[in-house]
Amino acid sequence: MENEYRIALMRHGRAKRLVFGRAGGIAGTVYGTIVVMATVTAGYNGEQTDAWRLAVVVAVTVLVLWIAHVYSDALAESLERGRRLDRAEFSHIARRELSIPGAAVAPIAALVLGALGVIGERTAVWLALAFGVVTLGVEGARYAKIERLGGPGTLTVIALNLLLGLAVVALKALLAH
């Protein structure tokens, strides 16, 4: 029974890291979330929503930017070290930056649910954006906790992250009407 509990905790921890990233990946999660929210906003026209197309556009956009990010980080580290990186070092960079595409998992899942007809397509778009806002709030709280900012600092960081997310949502709302 105790072993099953440990396995469940490990799975929960992996799922949590996939969606919200690890402590060192806060930047990637925030970056990925903003990319996802901006892509959803730009791809949604307010009338006819093709959730499949939007899910694919979000996935491809995030993957392309992740690849570019990994490549540019690898170039920078290679220059800093004065030599070409080996496969293990490059793989480490790619894994370290997985929080960027990880931030797209929940929003893409919402869009796929909309495409499958489980929820309405407009609802799927709003849910994808809501996942983004929640993620930004969680990442603000995680940052504040890591930095031990205390109550006012934590609220300030969360508010700034949420303001950024809500600005993207407001832009979406303005474009849709």
N, C-alpha and C. Protein backbone atom coordinates (compact mmCIF):
# COMPACT_ATOMS: atom_id res chain seq x y z
N MET A 1 0.83 -1.19 0.00
CA MET A 1 0.00 0.00 0.00
C MET A 1 0.87 1.26 0.00
N GLU A 2 1.93 1.25 0.83
CA GLU A 2 2.81 2.41 0.90
C GLU A 2 3.54 2.62 -0.42
N ASN A 3 3.92 1.53 -1.07
CA ASN A 3 4.61 1.61 -2.36
C ASN A 3 3.70 2.22 -3.42
N GLU A 4 2.43 1.85 -3.42
CA GLU A 4 1.46 2.43 -4.37
C GLU A 4 1.30 3.93 -4.13
N TYR A 5 1.32 4.32 -2.87
CA TYR A 5 1.21 5.74 -2.52
C TYR A 5 2.42 6.51 -3.06
N ARG A 6 3.62 5.94 -2.89
CA ARG A 6 4.83 6.58 -3.41
C ARG A 6 4.78 6.73 -4.92
N ILE A 7 4.32 5.69 -5.60
CA ILE A 7 4.21 5.73 -7.06
C ILE A 7 3.23 6.81 -7.48
N ALA A 8 2.10 6.90 -6.79
CA ALA A 8 1.11 7.94 -7.09
C ALA A 8 1.69 9.33 -6.89
N LEU A 9 2.46 9.52 -5.81
CA LEU A 9 3.10 10.82 -5.56
C LEU A 9 4.11 11.16 -6.64
N MET A 10 4.88 10.16 -7.09
CA MET A 10 5.87 10.39 -8.15
C MET A 10 5.17 10.80 -9.44
N ARG A 11 4.08 10.13 -9.79
CA ARG A 11 3.33 10.47 -10.99
C ARG A 11 2.76 11.88 -10.90
N HIS A 12 2.22 12.21 -9.73
CA HIS A 12 1.67 13.54 -9.52
C HIS A 12 2.77 14.58 -9.68
N GLY A 13 3.94 14.31 -9.11
CA GLY A 13 5.08 15.23 -9.22
C GLY A 13 5.51 15.41 -10.66
N ARG A 14 5.55 14.32 -11.44
CA ARG A 14 5.93 14.42 -12.85
C ARG A 14 4.91 15.24 -13.63
N ALA A 15 3.63 14.98 -13.37
CA ALA A 15 2.58 15.73 -14.07
C ALA A 15 2.66 17.21 -13.72
N LYS A 16 2.87 17.50 -12.46
CA LYS A 16 2.98 18.89 -12.01
C LYS A 16 4.17 19.58 -12.67
N ARG A 17 5.32 18.87 -12.74
CA ARG A 17 6.51 19.45 -13.38
C ARG A 17 6.28 19.66 -14.87
N LEU A 18 5.53 18.73 -15.52
CA LEU A 18 5.25 18.86 -16.94
C LEU A 18 4.44 20.12 -17.22
N VAL A 19 3.43 20.36 -16.40
CA VAL A 19 2.55 21.50 -16.62
C VAL A 19 3.16 22.81 -16.12
N PHE A 20 3.74 22.80 -14.92
CA PHE A 20 4.23 24.04 -14.32
C PHE A 20 5.75 24.17 -14.33
N GLY A 21 6.45 23.17 -14.82
CA GLY A 21 7.91 23.25 -14.89
C GLY A 21 8.54 22.99 -13.54
N ARG A 22 9.85 23.03 -13.52
CA ARG A 22 10.60 22.84 -12.28
C ARG A 22 11.10 24.20 -11.83
N ALA A 23 11.65 24.26 -10.65
CA ALA A 23 12.07 25.55 -10.09
C ALA A 23 12.97 26.31 -11.03
N GLY A 24 13.92 25.64 -11.65
CA GLY A 24 14.84 26.30 -12.57
C GLY A 24 14.20 26.62 -13.91
N GLY A 25 12.99 26.15 -14.14
CA GLY A 25 12.33 26.35 -15.43
C GLY A 25 11.22 27.38 -15.40
N ILE A 26 11.18 28.20 -14.35
CA ILE A 26 10.12 29.20 -14.27
C ILE A 26 10.14 30.11 -15.50
N ALA A 27 11.32 30.53 -15.90
CA ALA A 27 11.43 31.42 -17.07
C ALA A 27 10.85 30.75 -18.31
N GLY A 28 11.18 29.48 -18.52
CA GLY A 28 10.66 28.77 -19.69
C GLY A 28 9.16 28.59 -19.63
N THR A 29 8.63 28.31 -18.44
CA THR A 29 7.19 28.15 -18.31
C THR A 29 6.47 29.47 -18.58
N VAL A 30 6.98 30.56 -18.04
CA VAL A 30 6.37 31.87 -18.28
C VAL A 30 6.47 32.22 -19.77
N TYR A 31 7.64 32.03 -20.34
CA TYR A 31 7.85 32.31 -21.77
C TYR A 31 6.90 31.46 -22.63
N GLY A 32 6.86 30.15 -22.36
CA GLY A 32 5.98 29.27 -23.12
C GLY A 32 4.53 29.65 -22.97
N THR A 33 4.14 30.01 -21.77
CA THR A 33 2.74 30.41 -21.53
C THR A 33 2.38 31.66 -22.31
N ILE A 34 3.26 32.63 -22.32
CA ILE A 34 3.00 33.87 -23.07
C ILE A 34 2.93 33.58 -24.56
N VAL A 35 3.81 32.73 -25.05
CA VAL A 35 3.77 32.35 -26.48
C VAL A 35 2.44 31.67 -26.80
N VAL A 36 2.02 30.75 -25.95
CA VAL A 36 0.75 30.04 -26.17
C VAL A 36 -0.41 31.03 -26.17
N MET A 37 -0.45 31.88 -25.17
CA MET A 37 -1.57 32.83 -25.07
C MET A 37 -1.59 33.79 -26.26
N ALA A 38 -0.42 34.26 -26.66
CA ALA A 38 -0.37 35.17 -27.81
C ALA A 38 -0.78 34.46 -29.08
N THR A 39 -0.38 33.20 -29.25
CA THR A 39 -0.73 32.44 -30.45
C THR A 39 -2.22 32.15 -30.49
N VAL A 40 -2.78 31.77 -29.36
CA VAL A 40 -4.23 31.53 -29.30
C VAL A 40 -4.97 32.82 -29.64
N THR A 41 -4.53 33.92 -29.05
CA THR A 41 -5.16 35.22 -29.30
C THR A 41 -5.07 35.60 -30.77
N ALA A 42 -3.91 35.45 -31.36
CA ALA A 42 -3.73 35.82 -32.77
C ALA A 42 -4.50 34.89 -33.70
N GLY A 43 -4.63 33.62 -33.32
CA GLY A 43 -5.29 32.66 -34.19
C GLY A 43 -6.80 32.60 -34.06
N TYR A 44 -7.34 33.26 -33.09
CA TYR A 44 -8.79 33.24 -32.85
C TYR A 44 -9.42 34.47 -33.47
N ASN A 45 -10.40 34.24 -34.34
CA ASN A 45 -11.01 35.39 -35.01
C ASN A 45 -12.33 35.84 -34.40
N GLY A 46 -12.80 35.15 -33.38
CA GLY A 46 -13.99 35.59 -32.67
C GLY A 46 -15.30 35.07 -33.23
N GLU A 47 -15.29 34.58 -34.44
CA GLU A 47 -16.54 34.08 -35.03
C GLU A 47 -16.43 32.57 -35.25
N GLN A 48 -15.80 32.18 -36.33
CA GLN A 48 -15.60 30.77 -36.63
C GLN A 48 -14.29 30.33 -36.01
N THR A 49 -14.36 29.35 -35.15
CA THR A 49 -13.14 28.85 -34.52
C THR A 49 -12.88 27.45 -35.03
N ASP A 50 -11.71 27.24 -35.57
CA ASP A 50 -11.29 25.89 -35.96
C ASP A 50 -10.29 25.44 -34.90
N ALA A 51 -10.80 24.76 -33.89
CA ALA A 51 -9.97 24.38 -32.75
C ALA A 51 -8.83 23.45 -33.15
N TRP A 52 -9.06 22.57 -34.14
CA TRP A 52 -7.96 21.70 -34.59
C TRP A 52 -6.83 22.53 -35.15
N ARG A 53 -7.16 23.44 -36.04
CA ARG A 53 -6.14 24.27 -36.65
C ARG A 53 -5.42 25.09 -35.59
N LEU A 54 -6.17 25.64 -34.67
CA LEU A 54 -5.56 26.45 -33.61
C LEU A 54 -4.64 25.61 -32.72
N ALA A 55 -5.05 24.39 -32.40
CA ALA A 55 -4.20 23.50 -31.59
C ALA A 55 -2.90 23.19 -32.33
N VAL A 56 -3.00 22.94 -33.63
CA VAL A 56 -1.80 22.64 -34.41
C VAL A 56 -0.89 23.87 -34.51
N VAL A 57 -1.49 25.04 -34.74
CA VAL A 57 -0.70 26.27 -34.83
C VAL A 57 0.02 26.54 -33.51
N VAL A 58 -0.67 26.36 -32.40
CA VAL A 58 -0.05 26.57 -31.09
C VAL A 58 1.10 25.58 -30.90
N ALA A 59 0.86 24.30 -31.19
CA ALA A 59 1.88 23.28 -31.00
C ALA A 59 3.11 23.55 -31.86
N VAL A 60 2.89 23.85 -33.13
CA VAL A 60 4.01 24.09 -34.03
C VAL A 60 4.77 25.36 -33.63
N THR A 61 4.05 26.40 -33.28
CA THR A 61 4.70 27.65 -32.86
C THR A 61 5.57 27.43 -31.64
N VAL A 62 5.04 26.75 -30.65
CA VAL A 62 5.80 26.51 -29.42
C VAL A 62 7.01 25.62 -29.70
N LEU A 63 6.83 24.59 -30.53
CA LEU A 63 7.96 23.71 -30.83
C LEU A 63 9.06 24.44 -31.61
N VAL A 64 8.66 25.25 -32.57
CA VAL A 64 9.65 26.01 -33.34
C VAL A 64 10.42 26.97 -32.42
N LEU A 65 9.72 27.67 -31.55
CA LEU A 65 10.39 28.59 -30.64
C LEU A 65 11.24 27.85 -29.61
N TRP A 66 10.79 26.65 -29.19
CA TRP A 66 11.60 25.85 -28.28
C TRP A 66 12.91 25.42 -28.96
N ILE A 67 12.79 24.96 -30.21
CA ILE A 67 13.99 24.55 -30.95
C ILE A 67 14.93 25.74 -31.11
N ALA A 68 14.39 26.90 -31.46
CA ALA A 68 15.23 28.10 -31.61
C ALA A 68 15.88 28.47 -30.28
N HIS A 69 15.14 28.32 -29.20
CA HIS A 69 15.66 28.65 -27.88
C HIS A 69 16.79 27.69 -27.49
N VAL A 70 16.57 26.39 -27.71
CA VAL A 70 17.59 25.39 -27.39
C VAL A 70 18.83 25.65 -28.24
N TYR A 71 18.63 25.90 -29.52
CA TYR A 71 19.76 26.14 -30.43
C TYR A 71 20.56 27.37 -29.99
N SER A 72 19.87 28.46 -29.70
CA SER A 72 20.59 29.67 -29.31
C SER A 72 21.28 29.51 -27.96
N ASP A 73 20.66 28.81 -27.02
CA ASP A 73 21.32 28.53 -25.74
C ASP A 73 22.56 27.66 -25.94
N ALA A 74 22.46 26.66 -26.83
CA ALA A 74 23.60 25.78 -27.11
C ALA A 74 24.74 26.57 -27.74
N LEU A 75 24.41 27.47 -28.66
CA LEU A 75 25.44 28.31 -29.26
C LEU A 75 26.14 29.15 -28.20
N ALA A 76 25.34 29.77 -27.33
CA ALA A 76 25.91 30.62 -26.29
C ALA A 76 26.81 29.81 -25.35
N GLU A 77 26.34 28.64 -24.93
CA GLU A 77 27.16 27.83 -24.02
C GLU A 77 28.42 27.34 -24.71
N SER A 78 28.30 27.01 -25.99
CA SER A 78 29.47 26.58 -26.74
C SER A 78 30.52 27.69 -26.80
N LEU A 79 30.07 28.90 -27.04
CA LEU A 79 30.99 30.05 -27.08
C LEU A 79 31.61 30.31 -25.71
N GLU A 80 30.79 30.20 -24.66
CA GLU A 80 31.31 30.41 -23.30
C GLU A 80 32.38 29.38 -22.94
N ARG A 81 32.19 28.14 -23.38
CA ARG A 81 33.12 27.08 -23.05
C ARG A 81 34.32 27.04 -24.02
N GLY A 82 34.19 27.73 -25.13
CA GLY A 82 35.28 27.76 -26.11
C GLY A 82 35.42 26.47 -26.90
N ARG A 83 34.34 25.70 -26.97
CA ARG A 83 34.36 24.44 -27.72
C ARG A 83 32.93 24.04 -28.07
N ARG A 84 32.84 23.12 -29.01
CA ARG A 84 31.53 22.60 -29.39
C ARG A 84 31.00 21.71 -28.26
N LEU A 85 29.71 21.78 -28.00
CA LEU A 85 29.10 20.96 -26.95
C LEU A 85 29.02 19.51 -27.42
N ASP A 86 29.14 18.60 -26.48
CA ASP A 86 28.92 17.19 -26.85
C ASP A 86 27.42 16.89 -26.76
N ARG A 87 27.06 15.70 -27.18
CA ARG A 87 25.64 15.30 -27.24
C ARG A 87 24.97 15.39 -25.86
N ALA A 88 25.66 14.95 -24.83
CA ALA A 88 25.08 14.98 -23.48
C ALA A 88 24.81 16.42 -23.03
N GLU A 89 25.73 17.33 -23.32
CA GLU A 89 25.54 18.73 -22.93
C GLU A 89 24.38 19.36 -23.70
N PHE A 90 24.30 19.05 -24.99
CA PHE A 90 23.20 19.57 -25.80
C PHE A 90 21.87 19.00 -25.31
N SER A 91 21.85 17.71 -25.01
CA SER A 91 20.62 17.07 -24.49
C SER A 91 20.20 17.69 -23.17
N HIS A 92 21.18 18.02 -22.34
CA HIS A 92 20.88 18.66 -21.06
C HIS A 92 20.17 20.01 -21.28
N ILE A 93 20.65 20.78 -22.23
CA ILE A 93 20.02 22.06 -22.55
C ILE A 93 18.59 21.84 -23.04
N ALA A 94 18.42 20.88 -23.93
CA ALA A 94 17.08 20.60 -24.47
C ALA A 94 16.12 20.19 -23.35
N ARG A 95 16.57 19.33 -22.44
CA ARG A 95 15.72 18.92 -21.32
C ARG A 95 15.44 20.07 -20.37
N ARG A 96 16.46 20.89 -20.13
CA ARG A 96 16.31 22.04 -19.23
C ARG A 96 15.23 22.99 -19.74
N GLU A 97 15.11 23.10 -21.04
CA GLU A 97 14.15 24.04 -21.64
C GLU A 97 12.80 23.40 -21.98
N LEU A 98 12.56 22.17 -21.54
CA LEU A 98 11.28 21.51 -21.83
C LEU A 98 10.09 22.23 -21.20
N SER A 99 10.35 23.12 -20.27
CA SER A 99 9.23 23.86 -19.67
C SER A 99 8.55 24.76 -20.70
N ILE A 100 9.24 25.11 -21.77
CA ILE A 100 8.62 25.94 -22.82
C ILE A 100 7.49 25.16 -23.50
N PRO A 101 7.75 23.99 -24.10
CA PRO A 101 6.62 23.25 -24.68
C PRO A 101 5.70 22.68 -23.61
N GLY A 102 6.24 22.43 -22.40
CA GLY A 102 5.39 21.92 -21.33
C GLY A 102 4.26 22.88 -20.99
N ALA A 103 4.51 24.17 -21.15
CA ALA A 103 3.49 25.18 -20.87
C ALA A 103 2.32 25.10 -21.85
N ALA A 104 2.52 24.42 -22.97
CA ALA A 104 1.47 24.34 -23.99
C ALA A 104 0.55 23.13 -23.81
N VAL A 105 0.91 22.20 -22.93
CA VAL A 105 0.17 20.95 -22.82
C VAL A 105 -1.31 21.17 -22.46
N ALA A 106 -1.57 21.86 -21.37
CA ALA A 106 -2.96 22.06 -20.93
C ALA A 106 -3.76 22.90 -21.93
N PRO A 107 -3.24 24.03 -22.43
CA PRO A 107 -4.01 24.79 -23.42
C PRO A 107 -4.30 23.99 -24.70
N ILE A 108 -3.33 23.22 -25.17
CA ILE A 108 -3.57 22.41 -26.36
C ILE A 108 -4.62 21.34 -26.06
N ALA A 109 -4.57 20.75 -24.89
CA ALA A 109 -5.58 19.75 -24.49
C ALA A 109 -6.97 20.38 -24.52
N ALA A 110 -7.10 21.61 -24.04
CA ALA A 110 -8.40 22.30 -24.07
C ALA A 110 -8.87 22.49 -25.51
N LEU A 111 -7.96 22.90 -26.38
CA LEU A 111 -8.32 23.10 -27.79
C LEU A 111 -8.71 21.78 -28.46
N VAL A 112 -8.03 20.70 -28.12
CA VAL A 112 -8.38 19.39 -28.68
C VAL A 112 -9.75 18.96 -28.18
N LEU A 113 -10.06 19.21 -26.90
CA LEU A 113 -11.40 18.90 -26.40
C LEU A 113 -12.47 19.68 -27.18
N GLY A 114 -12.16 20.92 -27.52
CA GLY A 114 -13.08 21.71 -28.33
C GLY A 114 -13.22 21.15 -29.73
N ALA A 115 -12.11 20.72 -30.31
CA ALA A 115 -12.13 20.15 -31.66
C ALA A 115 -12.91 18.84 -31.69
N LEU A 116 -12.85 18.08 -30.62
CA LEU A 116 -13.57 16.80 -30.55
C LEU A 116 -15.04 16.97 -30.21
N GLY A 117 -15.44 18.19 -29.87
CA GLY A 117 -16.84 18.44 -29.53
C GLY A 117 -17.19 18.15 -28.09
N VAL A 118 -16.19 17.86 -27.26
CA VAL A 118 -16.44 17.60 -25.84
C VAL A 118 -16.91 18.89 -25.16
N ILE A 119 -16.29 19.99 -25.55
CA ILE A 119 -16.73 21.32 -25.11
C ILE A 119 -16.83 22.18 -26.37
N GLY A 120 -17.49 23.31 -26.26
CA GLY A 120 -17.60 24.21 -27.40
C GLY A 120 -16.24 24.77 -27.78
N GLU A 121 -16.08 25.09 -29.06
CA GLU A 121 -14.79 25.59 -29.51
C GLU A 121 -14.44 26.95 -28.89
N ARG A 122 -15.42 27.82 -28.76
CA ARG A 122 -15.15 29.11 -28.09
C ARG A 122 -14.77 28.90 -26.64
N THR A 123 -15.48 27.97 -26.00
CA THR A 123 -15.15 27.63 -24.61
C THR A 123 -13.74 27.10 -24.53
N ALA A 124 -13.34 26.30 -25.51
CA ALA A 124 -11.98 25.74 -25.53
C ALA A 124 -10.93 26.85 -25.61
N VAL A 125 -11.21 27.86 -26.43
CA VAL A 125 -10.28 28.99 -26.56
C VAL A 125 -10.17 29.71 -25.23
N TRP A 126 -11.30 30.01 -24.62
CA TRP A 126 -11.27 30.71 -23.33
C TRP A 126 -10.61 29.86 -22.25
N LEU A 127 -10.85 28.54 -22.30
CA LEU A 127 -10.22 27.64 -21.32
C LEU A 127 -8.70 27.61 -21.53
N ALA A 128 -8.26 27.59 -22.78
CA ALA A 128 -6.82 27.62 -23.07
C ALA A 128 -6.20 28.90 -22.50
N LEU A 129 -6.88 30.01 -22.68
CA LEU A 129 -6.38 31.28 -22.13
C LEU A 129 -6.43 31.28 -20.60
N ALA A 130 -7.47 30.68 -20.04
CA ALA A 130 -7.57 30.59 -18.57
C ALA A 130 -6.42 29.76 -18.00
N PHE A 131 -6.08 28.66 -18.68
CA PHE A 131 -4.93 27.87 -18.24
C PHE A 131 -3.68 28.75 -18.22
N GLY A 132 -3.55 29.60 -19.21
CA GLY A 132 -2.40 30.50 -19.27
C GLY A 132 -2.37 31.46 -18.10
N VAL A 133 -3.50 32.06 -17.81
CA VAL A 133 -3.57 33.02 -16.69
C VAL A 133 -3.26 32.33 -15.37
N VAL A 134 -3.85 31.16 -15.18
CA VAL A 134 -3.60 30.40 -13.94
C VAL A 134 -2.11 30.04 -13.84
N THR A 135 -1.54 29.58 -14.94
CA THR A 135 -0.12 29.22 -14.93
C THR A 135 0.75 30.42 -14.57
N LEU A 136 0.44 31.58 -15.13
CA LEU A 136 1.22 32.77 -14.79
C LEU A 136 1.09 33.11 -13.31
N GLY A 137 -0.10 32.96 -12.76
CA GLY A 137 -0.29 33.20 -11.33
C GLY A 137 0.50 32.22 -10.47
N VAL A 138 0.44 30.94 -10.86
CA VAL A 138 1.19 29.91 -10.12
C VAL A 138 2.69 30.17 -10.20
N GLU A 139 3.17 30.52 -11.38
CA GLU A 139 4.61 30.78 -11.54
C GLU A 139 5.04 32.01 -10.74
N GLY A 140 4.18 33.01 -10.66
CA GLY A 140 4.48 34.17 -9.82
C GLY A 140 4.60 33.77 -8.36
N ALA A 141 3.69 32.91 -7.92
CA ALA A 141 3.72 32.44 -6.53
C ALA A 141 4.97 31.58 -6.28
N ARG A 142 5.31 30.73 -7.24
CA ARG A 142 6.51 29.89 -7.11
C ARG A 142 7.76 30.75 -7.01
N TYR A 143 7.84 31.76 -7.86
CA TYR A 143 8.99 32.66 -7.84
C TYR A 143 9.09 33.36 -6.48
N ALA A 144 7.97 33.86 -6.01
CA ALA A 144 7.96 34.58 -4.73
C ALA A 144 8.38 33.65 -3.59
N LYS A 145 7.95 32.40 -3.65
CA LYS A 145 8.31 31.44 -2.61
C LYS A 145 9.82 31.14 -2.65
N ILE A 146 10.34 30.91 -3.85
CA ILE A 146 11.77 30.63 -3.99
C ILE A 146 12.61 31.81 -3.49
N GLU A 147 12.16 33.02 -3.80
CA GLU A 147 12.88 34.23 -3.40
C GLU A 147 12.53 34.70 -1.99
N ARG A 148 11.60 34.00 -1.34
CA ARG A 148 11.17 34.33 0.02
C ARG A 148 10.76 35.80 0.13
N LEU A 149 9.85 36.19 -0.75
CA LEU A 149 9.47 37.61 -0.82
C LEU A 149 8.49 38.05 0.25
N GLY A 150 7.84 37.11 0.92
CA GLY A 150 6.86 37.50 1.92
C GLY A 150 5.54 37.88 1.27
N GLY A 151 4.58 38.25 2.10
CA GLY A 151 3.22 38.54 1.63
C GLY A 151 3.12 39.62 0.56
N PRO A 152 3.56 40.84 0.85
CA PRO A 152 3.43 41.92 -0.14
C PRO A 152 4.21 41.64 -1.43
N GLY A 153 5.41 41.10 -1.31
CA GLY A 153 6.20 40.78 -2.49
C GLY A 153 5.55 39.70 -3.33
N THR A 154 5.00 38.69 -2.65
CA THR A 154 4.32 37.60 -3.35
C THR A 154 3.12 38.14 -4.12
N LEU A 155 2.32 38.97 -3.45
CA LEU A 155 1.15 39.54 -4.13
C LEU A 155 1.55 40.42 -5.31
N THR A 156 2.64 41.15 -5.18
CA THR A 156 3.11 42.01 -6.26
C THR A 156 3.53 41.18 -7.47
N VAL A 157 4.31 40.13 -7.23
CA VAL A 157 4.78 39.29 -8.34
C VAL A 157 3.61 38.59 -9.01
N ILE A 158 2.69 38.03 -8.22
CA ILE A 158 1.52 37.37 -8.79
C ILE A 158 0.71 38.37 -9.60
N ALA A 159 0.51 39.57 -9.05
CA ALA A 159 -0.26 40.60 -9.75
C ALA A 159 0.40 40.98 -11.07
N LEU A 160 1.71 41.13 -11.07
CA LEU A 160 2.41 41.48 -12.32
C LEU A 160 2.27 40.37 -13.36
N ASN A 161 2.42 39.12 -12.93
CA ASN A 161 2.25 38.01 -13.87
C ASN A 161 0.82 37.94 -14.39
N LEU A 162 -0.14 38.10 -13.50
CA LEU A 162 -1.54 38.06 -13.92
C LEU A 162 -1.87 39.23 -14.84
N LEU A 163 -1.31 40.39 -14.54
CA LEU A 163 -1.54 41.56 -15.39
C LEU A 163 -1.05 41.28 -16.81
N LEU A 164 0.10 40.67 -16.92
CA LEU A 164 0.62 40.30 -18.23
C LEU A 164 -0.34 39.35 -18.94
N GLY A 165 -0.78 38.31 -18.25
CA GLY A 165 -1.72 37.36 -18.85
C GLY A 165 -3.05 38.00 -19.20
N LEU A 166 -3.56 38.81 -18.31
CA LEU A 166 -4.84 39.46 -18.58
C LEU A 166 -4.74 40.49 -19.71
N ALA A 167 -3.57 41.08 -19.90
CA ALA A 167 -3.38 41.98 -21.04
C ALA A 167 -3.53 41.21 -22.34
N VAL A 168 -3.00 39.99 -22.38
CA VAL A 168 -3.15 39.16 -23.58
C VAL A 168 -4.62 38.79 -23.77
N VAL A 169 -5.31 38.42 -22.69
CA VAL A 169 -6.74 38.08 -22.78
C VAL A 169 -7.55 39.30 -23.22
N ALA A 170 -7.23 40.49 -22.71
CA ALA A 170 -7.93 41.71 -23.12
C ALA A 170 -7.72 41.98 -24.60
N LEU A 171 -6.51 41.76 -25.06
CA LEU A 171 -6.24 41.92 -26.49
C LEU A 171 -7.09 40.97 -27.29
N LYS A 172 -7.21 39.73 -26.84
CA LYS A 172 -8.06 38.73 -27.52
C LYS A 172 -9.51 39.21 -27.57
N ALA A 173 -9.99 39.72 -26.44
CA ALA A 173 -11.37 40.19 -26.38
C ALA A 173 -11.58 41.38 -27.33
N LEU A 174 -10.62 42.28 -27.39
CA LEU A 174 -10.74 43.43 -28.29
C LEU A 174 -10.73 42.99 -29.75
N LEU A 175 -9.90 42.03 -30.09
CA LEU A 175 -9.82 41.54 -31.46
C LEU A 175 -11.07 40.78 -31.87
N ALA A 176 -11.72 40.15 -30.88
CA ALA A 176 -12.89 39.33 -31.19
C ALA A 176 -14.15 40.17 -31.39
N HIS A 177 -14.12 41.43 -30.96
CA HIS A 177 -15.33 42.25 -31.07
C HIS A 177 -15.12 43.46 -31.94
